[in-house]
Amino acid sequence: MLIVSRQIIITFIIFFLIFFFEIGQVVWIYLDSKKREDKRGILWSILAITPIFLPMLLPLPLIVYLLVTRAFSTKCPNCKVKISSKFSSCPSCGCKLKEKCKSCGSPLKDEWKYCPYCNDKIEGE
């Protein structure tokens, strides 16, 4: 009898912790998306609710959210505004972020010796 009640208590504690973590994850994702001014905050929250039905997927929505929202953006070194990593200059302050190829106008990385788009040699400064 005592063993059965102990198992019930442990099971209840485990379900409570999973539920608490789940609700915390949903709230954190929603608040973070609002802070980042993401228009899809509600959709991210709905995605985060799905592990309630499949607890083994619990960390998956958080991992997906962090990868998608953090991987494709950087901050301008001058004004600290969030910008795409593909930009050649900051749309907010005009700070030059990348050099452009003189032949085709594609953005270049500092370590490149040749343009990967037109195969033109990059002249060093």
PDB file of N, CA and C in Angstrom:
ATOM      1  N   MET A   1       0.825  -1.205   0.000  1.00  0.00           N
ATOM      2  CA  MET A   1       0.000   0.000   0.000  1.00  0.00           C
ATOM      3  C   MET A   1       0.863   1.260   0.000  1.00  0.00           C
ATOM      4  N   LEU A   2       1.902   1.283   0.813  1.00  0.00           N
ATOM      5  CA  LEU A   2       2.787   2.439   0.897  1.00  0.00           C
ATOM      6  C   LEU A   2       3.574   2.629  -0.400  1.00  0.00           C
ATOM      7  N   ILE A   3       3.966   1.514  -1.020  1.00  0.00           N
ATOM      8  CA  ILE A   3       4.728   1.583  -2.270  1.00  0.00           C
ATOM      9  C   ILE A   3       3.858   2.151  -3.389  1.00  0.00           C
ATOM     10  N   VAL A   4       2.609   1.762  -3.444  1.00  0.00           N
ATOM     11  CA  VAL A   4       1.696   2.258  -4.478  1.00  0.00           C
ATOM     12  C   VAL A   4       1.483   3.757  -4.322  1.00  0.00           C
ATOM     13  N   SER A   5       1.286   4.236  -3.111  1.00  0.00           N
ATOM     14  CA  SER A   5       1.080   5.674  -2.907  1.00  0.00           C
ATOM     15  C   SER A   5       2.349   6.457  -3.223  1.00  0.00           C
ATOM     16  N   ARG A   6       3.518   5.895  -2.945  1.00  0.00           N
ATOM     17  CA  ARG A   6       4.779   6.564  -3.276  1.00  0.00           C
ATOM     18  C   ARG A   6       4.932   6.671  -4.794  1.00  0.00           C
ATOM     19  N   GLN A   7       4.568   5.630  -5.519  1.00  0.00           N
ATOM     20  CA  GLN A   7       4.634   5.661  -6.975  1.00  0.00           C
ATOM     21  C   GLN A   7       3.659   6.696  -7.545  1.00  0.00           C
ATOM     22  N   ILE A   8       2.499   6.783  -6.961  1.00  0.00           N
ATOM     23  CA  ILE A   8       1.521   7.776  -7.406  1.00  0.00           C
ATOM     24  C   ILE A   8       2.045   9.184  -7.175  1.00  0.00           C
ATOM     25  N   ILE A   9       2.664   9.424  -6.034  1.00  0.00           N
ATOM     26  CA  ILE A   9       3.221  10.748  -5.726  1.00  0.00           C
ATOM     27  C   ILE A   9       4.355  11.089  -6.688  1.00  0.00           C
ATOM     28  N   ILE A  10       5.243  10.144  -6.933  1.00  0.00           N
ATOM     29  CA  ILE A  10       6.357  10.391  -7.863  1.00  0.00           C
ATOM     30  C   ILE A  10       5.833  10.654  -9.270  1.00  0.00           C
ATOM     31  N   THR A  11       4.852   9.885  -9.712  1.00  0.00           N
ATOM     32  CA  THR A  11       4.246  10.100 -11.024  1.00  0.00           C
ATOM     33  C   THR A  11       3.595  11.477 -11.110  1.00  0.00           C
ATOM     34  N   PHE A  12       2.892  11.865 -10.056  1.00  0.00           N
ATOM     35  CA  PHE A  12       2.257  13.186 -10.021  1.00  0.00           C
ATOM     36  C   PHE A  12       3.306  14.291 -10.093  1.00  0.00           C
ATOM     37  N   ILE A  13       4.405  14.148  -9.361  1.00  0.00           N
ATOM     38  CA  ILE A  13       5.475  15.160  -9.373  1.00  0.00           C
ATOM     39  C   ILE A  13       6.095  15.265 -10.767  1.00  0.00           C
ATOM     40  N   ILE A  14       6.320  14.132 -11.414  1.00  0.00           N
ATOM     41  CA  ILE A  14       6.907  14.151 -12.762  1.00  0.00           C
ATOM     42  C   ILE A  14       5.967  14.852 -13.749  1.00  0.00           C
ATOM     43  N   PHE A  15       4.683  14.510 -13.718  1.00  0.00           N
ATOM     44  CA  PHE A  15       3.721  15.169 -14.604  1.00  0.00           C
ATOM     45  C   PHE A  15       3.598  16.654 -14.301  1.00  0.00           C
ATOM     46  N   PHE A  16       3.656  17.020 -13.029  1.00  0.00           N
ATOM     47  CA  PHE A  16       3.598  18.429 -12.656  1.00  0.00           C
ATOM     48  C   PHE A  16       4.809  19.186 -13.202  1.00  0.00           C
ATOM     49  N   LEU A  17       6.009  18.615 -13.087  1.00  0.00           N
ATOM     50  CA  LEU A  17       7.214  19.274 -13.598  1.00  0.00           C
ATOM     51  C   LEU A  17       7.173  19.420 -15.122  1.00  0.00           C
ATOM     52  N   ILE A  18       6.708  18.374 -15.813  1.00  0.00           N
ATOM     53  CA  ILE A  18       6.587  18.459 -17.272  1.00  0.00           C
ATOM     54  C   ILE A  18       5.587  19.547 -17.650  1.00  0.00           C
ATOM     55  N   PHE A  19       4.450  19.585 -16.980  1.00  0.00           N
ATOM     56  CA  PHE A  19       3.432  20.589 -17.266  1.00  0.00           C
ATOM     57  C   PHE A  19       3.951  21.996 -16.956  1.00  0.00           C
ATOM     58  N   PHE A  20       4.652  22.169 -15.816  1.00  0.00           N
ATOM     59  CA  PHE A  20       5.211  23.468 -15.436  1.00  0.00           C
ATOM     60  C   PHE A  20       6.239  23.937 -16.462  1.00  0.00           C
ATOM     61  N   PHE A  21       7.116  23.030 -16.904  1.00  0.00           N
ATOM     62  CA  PHE A  21       8.113  23.385 -17.908  1.00  0.00           C
ATOM     63  C   PHE A  21       7.444  23.744 -19.225  1.00  0.00           C
ATOM     64  N   GLU A  22       6.420  23.005 -19.589  1.00  0.00           N
ATOM     65  CA  GLU A  22       5.698  23.260 -20.833  1.00  0.00           C
ATOM     66  C   GLU A  22       5.061  24.644 -20.831  1.00  0.00           C
ATOM     67  N   ILE A  23       4.351  24.972 -19.777  1.00  0.00           N
ATOM     68  CA  ILE A  23       3.703  26.289 -19.694  1.00  0.00           C
ATOM     69  C   ILE A  23       4.755  27.397 -19.677  1.00  0.00           C
ATOM     70  N   GLY A  24       5.847  27.184 -18.945  1.00  0.00           N
ATOM     71  CA  GLY A  24       6.932  28.167 -18.924  1.00  0.00           C
ATOM     72  C   GLY A  24       7.541  28.370 -20.297  1.00  0.00           C
ATOM     73  N   GLN A  25       7.699  27.288 -21.038  1.00  0.00           N
ATOM     74  CA  GLN A  25       8.248  27.368 -22.392  1.00  0.00           C
ATOM     75  C   GLN A  25       7.328  28.166 -23.306  1.00  0.00           C
ATOM     76  N   VAL A  26       6.028  27.913 -23.232  1.00  0.00           N
ATOM     77  CA  VAL A  26       5.064  28.633 -24.064  1.00  0.00           C
ATOM     78  C   VAL A  26       5.094  30.123 -23.734  1.00  0.00           C
ATOM     79  N   VAL A  27       5.076  30.451 -22.458  1.00  0.00           N
ATOM     80  CA  VAL A  27       5.078  31.865 -22.044  1.00  0.00           C
ATOM     81  C   VAL A  27       6.379  32.539 -22.464  1.00  0.00           C
ATOM     82  N   TRP A  28       7.523  31.872 -22.258  1.00  0.00           N
ATOM     83  CA  TRP A  28       8.809  32.485 -22.610  1.00  0.00           C
ATOM     84  C   TRP A  28       8.901  32.724 -24.117  1.00  0.00           C
ATOM     85  N   ILE A  29       8.488  31.749 -24.924  1.00  0.00           N
ATOM     86  CA  ILE A  29       8.537  31.915 -26.382  1.00  0.00           C
ATOM     87  C   ILE A  29       7.641  33.069 -26.816  1.00  0.00           C
ATOM     88  N   TYR A  30       6.460  33.154 -26.255  1.00  0.00           N
ATOM     89  CA  TYR A  30       5.550  34.239 -26.622  1.00  0.00           C
ATOM     90  C   TYR A  30       6.136  35.603 -26.237  1.00  0.00           C
ATOM     91  N   LEU A  31       6.617  35.730 -24.999  1.00  0.00           N
ATOM     92  CA  LEU A  31       7.172  37.014 -24.555  1.00  0.00           C
ATOM     93  C   LEU A  31       8.429  37.388 -25.335  1.00  0.00           C
ATOM     94  N   ASP A  32       9.268  36.408 -25.633  1.00  0.00           N
ATOM     95  CA  ASP A  32      10.480  36.692 -26.402  1.00  0.00           C
ATOM     96  C   ASP A  32      10.135  37.125 -27.819  1.00  0.00           C
ATOM     97  N   SER A  33       9.150  36.484 -28.429  1.00  0.00           N
ATOM     98  CA  SER A  33       8.777  36.883 -29.791  1.00  0.00           C
ATOM     99  C   SER A  33       8.165  38.282 -29.802  1.00  0.00           C
ATOM    100  N   LYS A  34       7.422  38.638 -28.765  1.00  0.00           N
ATOM    101  CA  LYS A  34       6.876  39.999 -28.676  1.00  0.00           C
ATOM    102  C   LYS A  34       7.992  41.017 -28.470  1.00  0.00           C
ATOM    103  N   LYS A  35       8.986  40.676 -27.635  1.00  0.00           N
ATOM    104  CA  LYS A  35      10.107  41.581 -27.396  1.00  0.00           C
ATOM    105  C   LYS A  35      10.908  41.814 -28.677  1.00  0.00           C
ATOM    106  N   ARG A  36      11.015  40.778 -29.500  1.00  0.00           N
ATOM    107  CA  ARG A  36      11.728  40.891 -30.769  1.00  0.00           C
ATOM    108  C   ARG A  36      10.844  41.443 -31.880  1.00  0.00           C
ATOM    109  N   GLU A  37       9.612  41.802 -31.540  1.00  0.00           N
ATOM    110  CA  GLU A  37       8.640  42.348 -32.485  1.00  0.00           C
ATOM    111  C   GLU A  37       8.384  41.396 -33.648  1.00  0.00           C
ATOM    112  N   ASP A  38       8.294  40.111 -33.339  1.00  0.00           N
ATOM    113  CA  ASP A  38       7.986  39.094 -34.338  1.00  0.00           C
ATOM    114  C   ASP A  38       6.471  39.019 -34.503  1.00  0.00           C
ATOM    115  N   LYS A  39       6.005  39.122 -35.722  1.00  0.00           N
ATOM    116  CA  LYS A  39       4.561  39.111 -35.987  1.00  0.00           C
ATOM    117  C   LYS A  39       3.943  37.728 -35.797  1.00  0.00           C
ATOM    118  N   ARG A  40       4.786  36.706 -35.713  1.00  0.00           N
ATOM    119  CA  ARG A  40       4.286  35.341 -35.591  1.00  0.00           C
ATOM    120  C   ARG A  40       4.357  34.822 -34.152  1.00  0.00           C
ATOM    121  N   GLY A  41       4.248  35.683 -33.168  1.00  0.00           N
ATOM    122  CA  GLY A  41       4.348  35.280 -31.767  1.00  0.00           C
ATOM    123  C   GLY A  41       3.296  34.275 -31.352  1.00  0.00           C
ATOM    124  N   ILE A  42       2.078  34.472 -31.801  1.00  0.00           N
ATOM    125  CA  ILE A  42       0.987  33.545 -31.472  1.00  0.00           C
ATOM    126  C   ILE A  42       1.249  32.182 -32.108  1.00  0.00           C
ATOM    127  N   LEU A  43       1.710  32.175 -33.349  1.00  0.00           N
ATOM    128  CA  LEU A  43       1.994  30.896 -34.018  1.00  0.00           C
ATOM    129  C   LEU A  43       3.127  30.143 -33.320  1.00  0.00           C
ATOM    130  N   TRP A  44       4.169  30.871 -32.897  1.00  0.00           N
ATOM    131  CA  TRP A  44       5.252  30.231 -32.146  1.00  0.00           C
ATOM    132  C   TRP A  44       4.713  29.625 -30.854  1.00  0.00           C
ATOM    133  N   SER A  45       3.798  30.319 -30.192  1.00  0.00           N
ATOM    134  CA  SER A  45       3.217  29.809 -28.943  1.00  0.00           C
ATOM    135  C   SER A  45       2.380  28.562 -29.190  1.00  0.00           C
ATOM    136  N   ILE A  46       1.634  28.553 -30.280  1.00  0.00           N
ATOM    137  CA  ILE A  46       0.835  27.370 -30.614  1.00  0.00           C
ATOM    138  C   ILE A  46       1.755  26.183 -30.899  1.00  0.00           C
ATOM    139  N   LEU A  47       2.859  26.430 -31.604  1.00  0.00           N
ATOM    140  CA  LEU A  47       3.830  25.373 -31.850  1.00  0.00           C
ATOM    141  C   LEU A  47       4.397  24.847 -30.533  1.00  0.00           C
ATOM    142  N   ALA A  48       4.618  25.744 -29.580  1.00  0.00           N
ATOM    143  CA  ALA A  48       5.193  25.335 -28.288  1.00  0.00           C
ATOM    144  C   ALA A  48       4.219  24.538 -27.438  1.00  0.00           C
ATOM    145  N   ILE A  49       2.917  24.624 -27.716  1.00  0.00           N
ATOM    146  CA  ILE A  49       1.915  23.889 -26.937  1.00  0.00           C
ATOM    147  C   ILE A  49       1.866  22.414 -27.349  1.00  0.00           C
ATOM    148  N   THR A  50       2.282  22.086 -28.560  1.00  0.00           N
ATOM    149  CA  THR A  50       2.136  20.719 -29.070  1.00  0.00           C
ATOM    150  C   THR A  50       2.738  19.631 -28.177  1.00  0.00           C
ATOM    151  N   PRO A  51       3.839  19.845 -27.453  1.00  0.00           N
ATOM    152  CA  PRO A  51       4.360  18.759 -26.617  1.00  0.00           C
ATOM    153  C   PRO A  51       3.470  18.386 -25.432  1.00  0.00           C
ATOM    154  N   ILE A  52       2.406  19.122 -25.165  1.00  0.00           N
ATOM    155  CA  ILE A  52       1.480  18.704 -24.112  1.00  0.00           C
ATOM    156  C   ILE A  52       0.894  17.345 -24.488  1.00  0.00           C
ATOM    157  N   PHE A  53       0.685  17.120 -25.770  1.00  0.00           N
ATOM    158  CA  PHE A  53       0.118  15.860 -26.238  1.00  0.00           C
ATOM    159  C   PHE A  53       1.187  14.782 -26.439  1.00  0.00           C
ATOM    160  N   LEU A  54       2.407  15.194 -26.704  1.00  0.00           N
ATOM    161  CA  LEU A  54       3.533  14.264 -26.853  1.00  0.00           C
ATOM    162  C   LEU A  54       4.709  14.768 -26.003  1.00  0.00           C
ATOM    163  N   PRO A  55       4.761  14.438 -24.704  1.00  0.00           N
ATOM    164  CA  PRO A  55       5.790  14.979 -23.811  1.00  0.00           C
ATOM    165  C   PRO A  55       7.224  14.660 -24.224  1.00  0.00           C
ATOM    166  N   MET A  56       7.437  13.618 -25.017  1.00  0.00           N
ATOM    167  CA  MET A  56       8.810  13.314 -25.423  1.00  0.00           C
ATOM    168  C   MET A  56       9.356  14.358 -26.400  1.00  0.00           C
ATOM    169  N   LEU A  57       8.494  15.192 -26.974  1.00  0.00           N
ATOM    170  CA  LEU A  57       8.923  16.275 -27.867  1.00  0.00           C
ATOM    171  C   LEU A  57       9.083  17.600 -27.131  1.00  0.00           C
ATOM    172  N   LEU A  58       9.151  17.569 -25.815  1.00  0.00           N
ATOM    173  CA  LEU A  58       9.121  18.778 -24.995  1.00  0.00           C
ATOM    174  C   LEU A  58      10.141  19.851 -25.402  1.00  0.00           C
ATOM    175  N   PRO A  59      11.422  19.546 -25.569  1.00  0.00           N
ATOM    176  CA  PRO A  59      12.346  20.642 -25.899  1.00  0.00           C
ATOM    177  C   PRO A  59      12.350  21.040 -27.370  1.00  0.00           C
ATOM    178  N   LEU A  60      11.700  20.269 -28.231  1.00  0.00           N
ATOM    179  CA  LEU A  60      11.768  20.516 -29.670  1.00  0.00           C
ATOM    180  C   LEU A  60      11.265  21.893 -30.103  1.00  0.00           C
ATOM    181  N   PRO A  61      10.090  22.374 -29.653  1.00  0.00           N
ATOM    182  CA  PRO A  61       9.655  23.709 -30.085  1.00  0.00           C
ATOM    183  C   PRO A  61      10.612  24.824 -29.656  1.00  0.00           C
ATOM    184  N   LEU A  62      11.181  24.713 -28.479  1.00  0.00           N
ATOM    185  CA  LEU A  62      12.134  25.729 -28.014  1.00  0.00           C
ATOM    186  C   LEU A  62      13.384  25.724 -28.884  1.00  0.00           C
ATOM    187  N   ILE A  63      13.885  24.552 -29.220  1.00  0.00           N
ATOM    188  CA  ILE A  63      15.072  24.444 -30.070  1.00  0.00           C
ATOM    189  C   ILE A  63      14.789  25.014 -31.453  1.00  0.00           C
ATOM    190  N   VAL A  64      13.645  24.658 -32.034  1.00  0.00           N
ATOM    191  CA  VAL A  64      13.277  25.164 -33.364  1.00  0.00           C
ATOM    192  C   VAL A  64      13.136  26.682 -33.320  1.00  0.00           C
ATOM    193  N   TYR A  65      12.463  27.200 -32.305  1.00  0.00           N
ATOM    194  CA  TYR A  65      12.276  28.652 -32.178  1.00  0.00           C
ATOM    195  C   TYR A  65      13.623  29.369 -32.097  1.00  0.00           C
ATOM    196  N   LEU A  66      14.517  28.882 -31.262  1.00  0.00           N
ATOM    197  CA  LEU A  66      15.813  29.538 -31.101  1.00  0.00           C
ATOM    198  C   LEU A  66      16.633  29.473 -32.387  1.00  0.00           C
ATOM    199  N   LEU A  67      16.620  28.345 -33.059  1.00  0.00           N
ATOM    200  CA  LEU A  67      17.383  28.232 -34.305  1.00  0.00           C
ATOM    201  C   LEU A  67      16.846  29.145 -35.398  1.00  0.00           C
ATOM    202  N   VAL A  68      15.539  29.170 -35.554  1.00  0.00           N
ATOM    203  CA  VAL A  68      14.949  29.967 -36.633  1.00  0.00           C
ATOM    204  C   VAL A  68      15.081  31.458 -36.357  1.00  0.00           C
ATOM    205  N   THR A  69      14.828  31.889 -35.137  1.00  0.00           N
ATOM    206  CA  THR A  69      14.835  33.325 -34.862  1.00  0.00           C
ATOM    207  C   THR A  69      16.237  33.892 -34.672  1.00  0.00           C
ATOM    208  N   ARG A  70      17.187  33.075 -34.281  1.00  0.00           N
ATOM    209  CA  ARG A  70      18.526  33.596 -34.015  1.00  0.00           C
ATOM    210  C   ARG A  70      19.512  33.371 -35.164  1.00  0.00           C
ATOM    211  N   ALA A  71      19.242  32.424 -36.039  1.00  0.00           N
ATOM    212  CA  ALA A  71      20.230  32.039 -37.040  1.00  0.00           C
ATOM    213  C   ALA A  71      20.324  33.011 -38.214  1.00  0.00           C
ATOM    214  N   PHE A  72      19.267  33.693 -38.542  1.00  0.00           N
ATOM    215  CA  PHE A  72      19.259  34.488 -39.760  1.00  0.00           C
ATOM    216  C   PHE A  72      19.339  35.987 -39.527  1.00  0.00           C
ATOM    217  N   SER A  73      19.707  36.400 -38.341  1.00  0.00           N
ATOM    218  CA  SER A  73      19.798  37.834 -38.095  1.00  0.00           C
ATOM    219  C   SER A  73      21.033  38.157 -37.273  1.00  0.00           C
ATOM    220  N   THR A  74      21.552  39.344 -37.493  1.00  0.00           N
ATOM    221  CA  THR A  74      22.681  39.859 -36.726  1.00  0.00           C
ATOM    222  C   THR A  74      22.337  41.284 -36.311  1.00  0.00           C
ATOM    223  N   LYS A  75      23.260  41.939 -35.620  1.00  0.00           N
ATOM    224  CA  LYS A  75      23.052  43.328 -35.232  1.00  0.00           C
ATOM    225  C   LYS A  75      24.087  44.205 -35.917  1.00  0.00           C
ATOM    226  N   CYS A  76      23.670  45.396 -36.275  1.00  0.00           N
ATOM    227  CA  CYS A  76      24.574  46.372 -36.883  1.00  0.00           C
ATOM    228  C   CYS A  76      25.634  46.756 -35.846  1.00  0.00           C
ATOM    229  N   PRO A  77      26.914  46.766 -36.215  1.00  0.00           N
ATOM    230  CA  PRO A  77      27.950  47.140 -35.254  1.00  0.00           C
ATOM    231  C   PRO A  77      27.891  48.617 -34.855  1.00  0.00           C
ATOM    232  N   ASN A  78      27.218  49.423 -35.659  1.00  0.00           N
ATOM    233  CA  ASN A  78      27.151  50.858 -35.378  1.00  0.00           C
ATOM    234  C   ASN A  78      25.946  51.226 -34.512  1.00  0.00           C
ATOM    235  N   CYS A  79      24.738  50.851 -34.938  1.00  0.00           N
ATOM    236  CA  CYS A  79      23.520  51.285 -34.233  1.00  0.00           C
ATOM    237  C   CYS A  79      22.816  50.170 -33.460  1.00  0.00           C
ATOM    238  N   LYS A  80      23.312  48.925 -33.565  1.00  0.00           N
ATOM    239  CA  LYS A  80      22.787  47.759 -32.826  1.00  0.00           C
ATOM    240  C   LYS A  80      21.359  47.360 -33.215  1.00  0.00           C
ATOM    241  N   VAL A  81      20.889  47.767 -34.384  1.00  0.00           N
ATOM    242  CA  VAL A  81      19.566  47.376 -34.872  1.00  0.00           C
ATOM    243  C   VAL A  81      19.672  45.981 -35.475  1.00  0.00           C
ATOM    244  N   LYS A  82      18.651  45.148 -35.295  1.00  0.00           N
ATOM    245  CA  LYS A  82      18.630  43.796 -35.854  1.00  0.00           C
ATOM    246  C   LYS A  82      18.504  43.881 -37.366  1.00  0.00           C
ATOM    247  N   ILE A  83      19.419  43.213 -38.059  1.00  0.00           N
ATOM    248  CA  ILE A  83      19.439  43.224 -39.520  1.00  0.00           C
ATOM    249  C   ILE A  83      19.677  41.811 -40.031  1.00  0.00           C
ATOM    250  N   SER A  84      19.416  41.584 -41.277  1.00  0.00           N
ATOM    251  CA  SER A  84      19.685  40.297 -41.903  1.00  0.00           C
ATOM    252  C   SER A  84      21.178  40.159 -42.159  1.00  0.00           C
ATOM    253  N   SER A  85      21.674  38.947 -42.059  1.00  0.00           N
ATOM    254  CA  SER A  85      23.101  38.719 -42.306  1.00  0.00           C
ATOM    255  C   SER A  85      23.450  38.854 -43.787  1.00  0.00           C
ATOM    256  N   LYS A  86      22.448  38.964 -44.662  1.00  0.00           N
ATOM    257  CA  LYS A  86      22.681  39.115 -46.102  1.00  0.00           C
ATOM    258  C   LYS A  86      22.875  40.570 -46.521  1.00  0.00           C
ATOM    259  N   PHE A  87      22.574  41.524 -45.643  1.00  0.00           N
ATOM    260  CA  PHE A  87      22.642  42.942 -45.999  1.00  0.00           C
ATOM    261  C   PHE A  87      24.083  43.384 -46.212  1.00  0.00           C
ATOM    262  N   SER A  88      24.268  44.296 -47.172  1.00  0.00           N
ATOM    263  CA  SER A  88      25.578  44.895 -47.419  1.00  0.00           C
ATOM    264  C   SER A  88      25.770  46.161 -46.597  1.00  0.00           C
ATOM    265  N   SER A  89      24.663  46.815 -46.254  1.00  0.00           N
ATOM    266  CA  SER A  89      24.725  48.004 -45.406  1.00  0.00           C
ATOM    267  C   SER A  89      23.496  48.021 -44.505  1.00  0.00           C
ATOM    268  N   CYS A  90      23.602  48.738 -43.398  1.00  0.00           N
ATOM    269  CA  CYS A  90      22.505  48.811 -42.443  1.00  0.00           C
ATOM    270  C   CYS A  90      21.412  49.729 -42.984  1.00  0.00           C
ATOM    271  N   PRO A  91      20.161  49.265 -43.030  1.00  0.00           N
ATOM    272  CA  PRO A  91      19.083  50.126 -43.533  1.00  0.00           C
ATOM    273  C   PRO A  91      18.719  51.240 -42.558  1.00  0.00           C
ATOM    274  N   SER A  92      19.156  51.136 -41.328  1.00  0.00           N
ATOM    275  CA  SER A  92      18.830  52.144 -40.327  1.00  0.00           C
ATOM    276  C   SER A  92      19.824  53.305 -40.307  1.00  0.00           C
ATOM    277  N   CYS A  93      21.126  52.975 -40.291  1.00  0.00           N
ATOM    278  CA  CYS A  93      22.130  54.045 -40.171  1.00  0.00           C
ATOM    279  C   CYS A  93      23.024  54.173 -41.401  1.00  0.00           C
ATOM    280  N   GLY A  94      22.944  53.209 -42.335  1.00  0.00           N
ATOM    281  CA  GLY A  94      23.760  53.277 -43.548  1.00  0.00           C
ATOM    282  C   GLY A  94      25.173  52.767 -43.385  1.00  0.00           C
ATOM    283  N   CYS A  95      25.482  52.173 -42.241  1.00  0.00           N
ATOM    284  CA  CYS A  95      26.828  51.647 -41.988  1.00  0.00           C
ATOM    285  C   CYS A  95      27.161  50.555 -43.009  1.00  0.00           C
ATOM    286  N   LYS A  96      28.351  50.625 -43.598  1.00  0.00           N
ATOM    287  CA  LYS A  96      28.779  49.644 -44.594  1.00  0.00           C
ATOM    288  C   LYS A  96      29.170  48.354 -43.867  1.00  0.00           C
ATOM    289  N   LEU A  97      28.480  47.255 -44.182  1.00  0.00           N
ATOM    290  CA  LEU A  97      28.715  45.982 -43.506  1.00  0.00           C
ATOM    291  C   LEU A  97      29.602  45.044 -44.316  1.00  0.00           C
ATOM    292  N   LYS A  98      29.452  45.045 -45.640  1.00  0.00           N
ATOM    293  CA  LYS A  98      30.228  44.173 -46.511  1.00  0.00           C
ATOM    294  C   LYS A  98      30.644  44.948 -47.749  1.00  0.00           C
ATOM    295  N   GLU A  99      31.772  44.542 -48.300  1.00  0.00           N
ATOM    296  CA  GLU A  99      32.206  45.088 -49.578  1.00  0.00           C
ATOM    297  C   GLU A  99      31.365  44.472 -50.689  1.00  0.00           C
ATOM    298  N   LYS A 100      31.264  45.173 -51.807  1.00  0.00           N
ATOM    299  CA  LYS A 100      30.560  44.643 -52.969  1.00  0.00           C
ATOM    300  C   LYS A 100      31.563  44.377 -54.075  1.00  0.00           C
ATOM    301  N   CYS A 101      31.266  43.335 -54.854  1.00  0.00           N
ATOM    302  CA  CYS A 101      32.103  43.003 -56.001  1.00  0.00           C
ATOM    303  C   CYS A 101      31.997  44.126 -57.038  1.00  0.00           C
ATOM    304  N   LYS A 102      33.120  44.531 -57.573  1.00  0.00           N
ATOM    305  CA  LYS A 102      33.124  45.620 -58.559  1.00  0.00           C
ATOM    306  C   LYS A 102      32.510  45.182 -59.892  1.00  0.00           C
ATOM    307  N   SER A 103      32.519  43.879 -60.165  1.00  0.00           N
ATOM    308  CA  SER A 103      31.975  43.389 -61.434  1.00  0.00           C
ATOM    309  C   SER A 103      30.470  43.136 -61.375  1.00  0.00           C
ATOM    310  N   CYS A 104      30.035  42.363 -60.358  1.00  0.00           N
ATOM    311  CA  CYS A 104      28.624  41.957 -60.350  1.00  0.00           C
ATOM    312  C   CYS A 104      27.804  42.612 -59.235  1.00  0.00           C
ATOM    313  N   GLY A 105      28.463  43.268 -58.275  1.00  0.00           N
ATOM    314  CA  GLY A 105      27.740  43.961 -57.211  1.00  0.00           C
ATOM    315  C   GLY A 105      27.272  43.071 -56.070  1.00  0.00           C
ATOM    316  N   SER A 106      27.676  41.805 -56.036  1.00  0.00           N
ATOM    317  CA  SER A 106      27.274  40.896 -54.953  1.00  0.00           C
ATOM    318  C   SER A 106      28.063  41.189 -53.684  1.00  0.00           C
ATOM    319  N   PRO A 107      27.449  40.988 -52.509  1.00  0.00           N
ATOM    320  CA  PRO A 107      28.182  41.211 -51.263  1.00  0.00           C
ATOM    321  C   PRO A 107      29.296  40.179 -51.091  1.00  0.00           C
ATOM    322  N   LEU A 108      30.430  40.630 -50.569  1.00  0.00           N
ATOM    323  CA  LEU A 108      31.603  39.771 -50.410  1.00  0.00           C
ATOM    324  C   LEU A 108      31.995  39.667 -48.941  1.00  0.00           C
ATOM    325  N   LYS A 109      32.612  38.566 -48.600  1.00  0.00           N
ATOM    326  CA  LYS A 109      33.176  38.397 -47.262  1.00  0.00           C
ATOM    327  C   LYS A 109      34.624  38.845 -47.294  1.00  0.00           C
ATOM    328  N   ASP A 110      35.141  39.276 -46.142  1.00  0.00           N
ATOM    329  CA  ASP A 110      36.490  39.820 -46.068  1.00  0.00           C
ATOM    330  C   ASP A 110      37.571  38.814 -46.462  1.00  0.00           C
ATOM    331  N   GLU A 111      37.367  37.544 -46.135  1.00  0.00           N
ATOM    332  CA  GLU A 111      38.410  36.543 -46.368  1.00  0.00           C
ATOM    333  C   GLU A 111      38.454  36.010 -47.798  1.00  0.00           C
ATOM    334  N   TRP A 112      37.501  36.375 -48.645  1.00  0.00           N
ATOM    335  CA  TRP A 112      37.471  35.877 -50.012  1.00  0.00           C
ATOM    336  C   TRP A 112      38.509  36.579 -50.889  1.00  0.00           C
ATOM    337  N   LYS A 113      39.124  35.805 -51.780  1.00  0.00           N
ATOM    338  CA  LYS A 113      40.081  36.335 -52.749  1.00  0.00           C
ATOM    339  C   LYS A 113      39.442  36.491 -54.124  1.00  0.00           C
ATOM    340  N   TYR A 114      38.398  35.676 -54.393  1.00  0.00           N
ATOM    341  CA  TYR A 114      37.673  35.723 -55.652  1.00  0.00           C
ATOM    342  C   TYR A 114      36.183  35.788 -55.364  1.00  0.00           C
ATOM    343  N   CYS A 115      35.453  36.467 -56.213  1.00  0.00           N
ATOM    344  CA  CYS A 115      33.999  36.547 -56.079  1.00  0.00           C
ATOM    345  C   CYS A 115      33.397  35.192 -56.465  1.00  0.00           C
ATOM    346  N   PRO A 116      32.586  34.578 -55.582  1.00  0.00           N
ATOM    347  CA  PRO A 116      32.004  33.274 -55.919  1.00  0.00           C
ATOM    348  C   PRO A 116      30.864  33.368 -56.939  1.00  0.00           C
ATOM    349  N   TYR A 117      30.424  34.565 -57.255  1.00  0.00           N
ATOM    350  CA  TYR A 117      29.304  34.736 -58.182  1.00  0.00           C
ATOM    351  C   TYR A 117      29.765  34.959 -59.620  1.00  0.00           C
ATOM    352  N   CYS A 118      30.873  35.720 -59.780  1.00  0.00           N
ATOM    353  CA  CYS A 118      31.336  36.000 -61.143  1.00  0.00           C
ATOM    354  C   CYS A 118      32.789  35.590 -61.375  1.00  0.00           C
ATOM    355  N   ASN A 119      33.447  35.053 -60.361  1.00  0.00           N
ATOM    356  CA  ASN A 119      34.829  34.568 -60.421  1.00  0.00           C
ATOM    357  C   ASN A 119      35.841  35.671 -60.723  1.00  0.00           C
ATOM    358  N   ASP A 120      35.508  36.900 -60.394  1.00  0.00           N
ATOM    359  CA  ASP A 120      36.422  38.021 -60.589  1.00  0.00           C
ATOM    360  C   ASP A 120      37.359  38.122 -59.394  1.00  0.00           C
ATOM    361  N   LYS A 121      38.613  38.496 -59.620  1.00  0.00           N
ATOM    362  CA  LYS A 121      39.583  38.642 -58.531  1.00  0.00           C
ATOM    363  C   LYS A 121      39.226  39.894 -57.715  1.00  0.00           C
ATOM    364  N   ILE A 122      39.240  39.724 -56.392  1.00  0.00           N
ATOM    365  CA  ILE A 122      38.916  40.838 -55.497  1.00  0.00           C
ATOM    366  C   ILE A 122      40.184  41.599 -55.192  1.00  0.00           C
ATOM    367  N   GLU A 123      40.147  42.879 -55.451  1.00  0.00           N
ATOM    368  CA  GLU A 123      41.316  43.723 -55.200  1.00  0.00           C
ATOM    369  C   GLU A 123      41.368  44.108 -53.739  1.00  0.00           C
ATOM    370  N   GLY A 124      42.502  43.848 -53.074  1.00  0.00           N
ATOM    371  CA  GLY A 124      42.661  44.211 -51.668  1.00  0.00           C
ATOM    372  C   GLY A 124      42.930  45.679 -51.515  1.00  0.00           C
ATOM    373  N   GLU A 125      42.550  46.210 -50.338  1.00  0.00           N
ATOM    374  CA  GLU A 125      42.744  47.649 -50.102  1.00  0.00           C
ATOM    375  C   GLU A 125      44.118  47.908 -49.540  1.00  0.00           C
TER     376      GLU A 125
END
